[in-house]
Amino acid sequence: MSALGGGMNFYGSMPEAYDVKVNMQNPLIARIWADREGTKDLLRQVIDLALLEKGMLKGKALSEFIARSEKLLA
């Protein structure tokens, strides 16, 4: 794989992986889990809040988060 991918830098182009722990006892998470189709915006909001808290939400994703927040709070 390394020879096909261009040498030792092969692994540098792979996406990062993250471990995520979800508290299924949380009422909000339970609500999202119960209505998976109807709560897609809410799920995206929860994911983006976690990314924001870790300083990982930037650029276009941050702008979309702000716009979605305004929509959800209206």
N, C-alpha and C. Protein backbone atom coordinates (compact mmCIF):
# COMPACT_ATOMS: atom_id res chain seq x y z
N MET A 1 0.83 -1.19 0.00
CA MET A 1 0.00 0.00 0.00
C MET A 1 0.87 1.25 0.00
N SER A 2 1.94 1.21 0.78
CA SER A 2 2.81 2.37 0.86
C SER A 2 3.45 2.66 -0.49
N ALA A 3 3.83 1.61 -1.23
CA ALA A 3 4.45 1.79 -2.54
C ALA A 3 3.47 2.39 -3.53
N LEU A 4 2.22 1.97 -3.47
CA LEU A 4 1.20 2.50 -4.37
C LEU A 4 0.79 3.91 -4.01
N GLY A 5 0.86 4.23 -2.73
CA GLY A 5 0.41 5.53 -2.26
C GLY A 5 1.46 6.62 -2.32
N GLY A 6 2.67 6.31 -2.73
CA GLY A 6 3.66 7.36 -2.86
C GLY A 6 4.69 7.38 -1.75
N GLY A 7 4.95 6.27 -1.13
CA GLY A 7 6.02 6.23 -0.14
C GLY A 7 5.52 6.32 1.28
N MET A 8 6.39 6.80 2.16
CA MET A 8 6.10 6.82 3.59
C MET A 8 5.00 7.83 3.96
N ASN A 9 4.71 8.76 3.10
CA ASN A 9 3.70 9.76 3.40
C ASN A 9 2.28 9.23 3.18
N PHE A 10 2.16 7.97 2.85
CA PHE A 10 0.85 7.36 2.60
C PHE A 10 -0.11 7.58 3.75
N TYR A 11 0.33 7.38 4.96
CA TYR A 11 -0.55 7.48 6.11
C TYR A 11 -0.89 8.92 6.46
N GLY A 12 -0.11 9.86 5.98
CA GLY A 12 -0.39 11.26 6.25
C GLY A 12 -1.64 11.76 5.56
N SER A 13 -2.10 11.07 4.52
CA SER A 13 -3.27 11.51 3.78
C SER A 13 -4.56 10.86 4.28
N MET A 14 -4.45 9.97 5.25
CA MET A 14 -5.66 9.31 5.78
C MET A 14 -6.37 10.26 6.74
N PRO A 15 -7.69 10.19 6.78
CA PRO A 15 -8.43 11.07 7.69
C PRO A 15 -8.17 10.69 9.15
N GLU A 16 -8.33 11.67 10.02
CA GLU A 16 -8.17 11.41 11.45
C GLU A 16 -9.36 10.62 11.96
N ALA A 17 -9.18 9.89 13.02
CA ALA A 17 -10.26 9.13 13.64
C ALA A 17 -10.48 9.66 15.06
N TYR A 18 -11.70 9.64 15.50
CA TYR A 18 -12.04 10.14 16.82
C TYR A 18 -12.91 9.12 17.53
N ASP A 19 -12.74 9.01 18.83
CA ASP A 19 -13.61 8.20 19.66
C ASP A 19 -14.65 9.12 20.26
N VAL A 20 -15.90 8.70 20.20
CA VAL A 20 -16.99 9.51 20.73
C VAL A 20 -17.77 8.66 21.71
N LYS A 21 -17.99 9.20 22.89
CA LYS A 21 -18.80 8.52 23.89
C LYS A 21 -20.12 9.27 24.00
N VAL A 22 -21.20 8.52 23.96
CA VAL A 22 -22.54 9.12 24.01
C VAL A 22 -23.27 8.58 25.22
N ASN A 23 -23.79 9.49 26.04
CA ASN A 23 -24.57 9.12 27.21
C ASN A 23 -26.01 8.90 26.77
N MET A 24 -26.39 7.64 26.60
CA MET A 24 -27.74 7.32 26.13
C MET A 24 -28.80 7.60 27.19
N GLN A 25 -28.39 7.89 28.42
CA GLN A 25 -29.34 8.23 29.48
C GLN A 25 -29.73 9.71 29.44
N ASN A 26 -29.00 10.51 28.69
CA ASN A 26 -29.30 11.93 28.58
C ASN A 26 -30.65 12.10 27.88
N PRO A 27 -31.56 12.91 28.42
CA PRO A 27 -32.89 13.06 27.82
C PRO A 27 -32.86 13.56 26.37
N LEU A 28 -31.95 14.45 26.06
CA LEU A 28 -31.86 14.96 24.69
C LEU A 28 -31.41 13.87 23.73
N ILE A 29 -30.42 13.10 24.12
CA ILE A 29 -29.94 12.00 23.28
C ILE A 29 -31.02 10.95 23.13
N ALA A 30 -31.75 10.65 24.19
CA ALA A 30 -32.85 9.69 24.12
C ALA A 30 -33.93 10.17 23.15
N ARG A 31 -34.20 11.46 23.16
CA ARG A 31 -35.19 12.03 22.23
C ARG A 31 -34.72 11.91 20.78
N ILE A 32 -33.45 12.21 20.54
CA ILE A 32 -32.90 12.09 19.20
C ILE A 32 -32.94 10.64 18.74
N TRP A 33 -32.58 9.72 19.63
CA TRP A 33 -32.56 8.29 19.28
C TRP A 33 -33.97 7.78 18.98
N ALA A 34 -34.95 8.25 19.72
CA ALA A 34 -36.33 7.79 19.53
C ALA A 34 -36.91 8.27 18.21
N ASP A 35 -36.55 9.46 17.78
CA ASP A 35 -37.09 10.03 16.54
C ASP A 35 -35.93 10.35 15.59
N ARG A 36 -35.27 9.32 15.10
CA ARG A 36 -34.06 9.50 14.29
C ARG A 36 -34.29 10.33 13.03
N GLU A 37 -35.40 10.19 12.39
CA GLU A 37 -35.66 10.91 11.14
C GLU A 37 -36.05 12.37 11.38
N GLY A 38 -36.79 12.62 12.44
CA GLY A 38 -37.32 13.97 12.68
C GLY A 38 -36.38 14.90 13.42
N THR A 39 -35.24 14.39 13.87
CA THR A 39 -34.36 15.23 14.68
C THR A 39 -32.97 15.38 14.07
N LYS A 40 -32.87 15.33 12.75
CA LYS A 40 -31.56 15.42 12.10
C LYS A 40 -30.87 16.76 12.37
N ASP A 41 -31.61 17.87 12.34
CA ASP A 41 -31.02 19.18 12.64
C ASP A 41 -30.53 19.23 14.09
N LEU A 42 -31.33 18.65 14.98
CA LEU A 42 -30.95 18.65 16.39
C LEU A 42 -29.70 17.79 16.61
N LEU A 43 -29.62 16.65 15.94
CA LEU A 43 -28.44 15.80 16.04
C LEU A 43 -27.20 16.53 15.52
N ARG A 44 -27.33 17.18 14.38
CA ARG A 44 -26.20 17.93 13.82
C ARG A 44 -25.77 19.03 14.79
N GLN A 45 -26.75 19.64 15.46
CA GLN A 45 -26.45 20.70 16.43
C GLN A 45 -25.66 20.15 17.61
N VAL A 46 -26.04 18.99 18.11
CA VAL A 46 -25.34 18.38 19.24
C VAL A 46 -23.91 18.02 18.84
N ILE A 47 -23.74 17.46 17.65
CA ILE A 47 -22.40 17.12 17.17
C ILE A 47 -21.54 18.37 17.04
N ASP A 48 -22.12 19.42 16.45
CA ASP A 48 -21.37 20.66 16.27
C ASP A 48 -21.02 21.31 17.61
N LEU A 49 -21.90 21.20 18.60
CA LEU A 49 -21.59 21.74 19.93
C LEU A 49 -20.38 21.02 20.54
N ALA A 50 -20.32 19.70 20.35
CA ALA A 50 -19.17 18.94 20.85
C ALA A 50 -17.90 19.37 20.13
N LEU A 51 -17.97 19.55 18.82
CA LEU A 51 -16.81 20.00 18.06
C LEU A 51 -16.39 21.41 18.48
N LEU A 52 -17.37 22.28 18.69
CA LEU A 52 -17.09 23.65 19.12
C LEU A 52 -16.38 23.67 20.47
N GLU A 53 -16.84 22.82 21.38
CA GLU A 53 -16.26 22.76 22.72
C GLU A 53 -14.78 22.34 22.67
N LYS A 54 -14.43 21.52 21.69
CA LYS A 54 -13.05 21.05 21.54
C LYS A 54 -12.23 21.94 20.60
N GLY A 55 -12.82 23.04 20.12
CA GLY A 55 -12.12 23.95 19.23
C GLY A 55 -11.92 23.39 17.84
N MET A 56 -12.78 22.48 17.42
CA MET A 56 -12.63 21.81 16.13
C MET A 56 -13.65 22.26 15.09
N LEU A 57 -14.50 23.22 15.43
CA LEU A 57 -15.52 23.69 14.50
C LEU A 57 -15.06 25.02 13.92
N LYS A 58 -14.77 25.01 12.63
CA LYS A 58 -14.19 26.20 12.00
C LYS A 58 -14.76 26.41 10.60
N GLY A 59 -14.54 27.59 10.07
CA GLY A 59 -14.88 27.89 8.69
C GLY A 59 -16.35 27.76 8.36
N LYS A 60 -16.62 27.09 7.24
CA LYS A 60 -17.99 26.94 6.75
C LYS A 60 -18.86 26.19 7.75
N ALA A 61 -18.31 25.17 8.40
CA ALA A 61 -19.08 24.40 9.38
C ALA A 61 -19.52 25.29 10.54
N LEU A 62 -18.67 26.21 10.96
CA LEU A 62 -19.01 27.13 12.04
C LEU A 62 -20.12 28.09 11.60
N SER A 63 -20.03 28.58 10.38
CA SER A 63 -21.08 29.47 9.85
C SER A 63 -22.41 28.75 9.77
N GLU A 64 -22.39 27.49 9.33
CA GLU A 64 -23.63 26.70 9.24
C GLU A 64 -24.19 26.44 10.63
N PHE A 65 -23.32 26.21 11.61
CA PHE A 65 -23.76 26.00 12.99
C PHE A 65 -24.47 27.24 13.52
N ILE A 66 -23.91 28.40 13.27
CA ILE A 66 -24.52 29.65 13.75
C ILE A 66 -25.88 29.87 13.09
N ALA A 67 -25.96 29.64 11.78
CA ALA A 67 -27.24 29.81 11.07
C ALA A 67 -28.28 28.82 11.59
N ARG A 68 -27.87 27.57 11.83
CA ARG A 68 -28.79 26.56 12.35
C ARG A 68 -29.24 26.90 13.76
N SER A 69 -28.32 27.46 14.55
CA SER A 69 -28.67 27.87 15.92
C SER A 69 -29.74 28.94 15.90
N GLU A 70 -29.58 29.92 15.03
CA GLU A 70 -30.59 30.98 14.92
C GLU A 70 -31.94 30.41 14.51
N LYS A 71 -31.92 29.46 13.56
CA LYS A 71 -33.16 28.84 13.09
C LYS A 71 -33.84 28.04 14.20
N LEU A 72 -33.05 27.26 14.96
CA LEU A 72 -33.62 26.44 16.03
C LEU A 72 -34.15 27.28 17.20
N LEU A 73 -33.51 28.42 17.44
CA LEU A 73 -33.94 29.27 18.55
C LEU A 73 -35.10 30.19 18.21
N ALA A 74 -35.39 30.35 16.92
CA ALA A 74 -36.47 31.25 16.48
C ALA A 74 -37.84 30.66 16.76
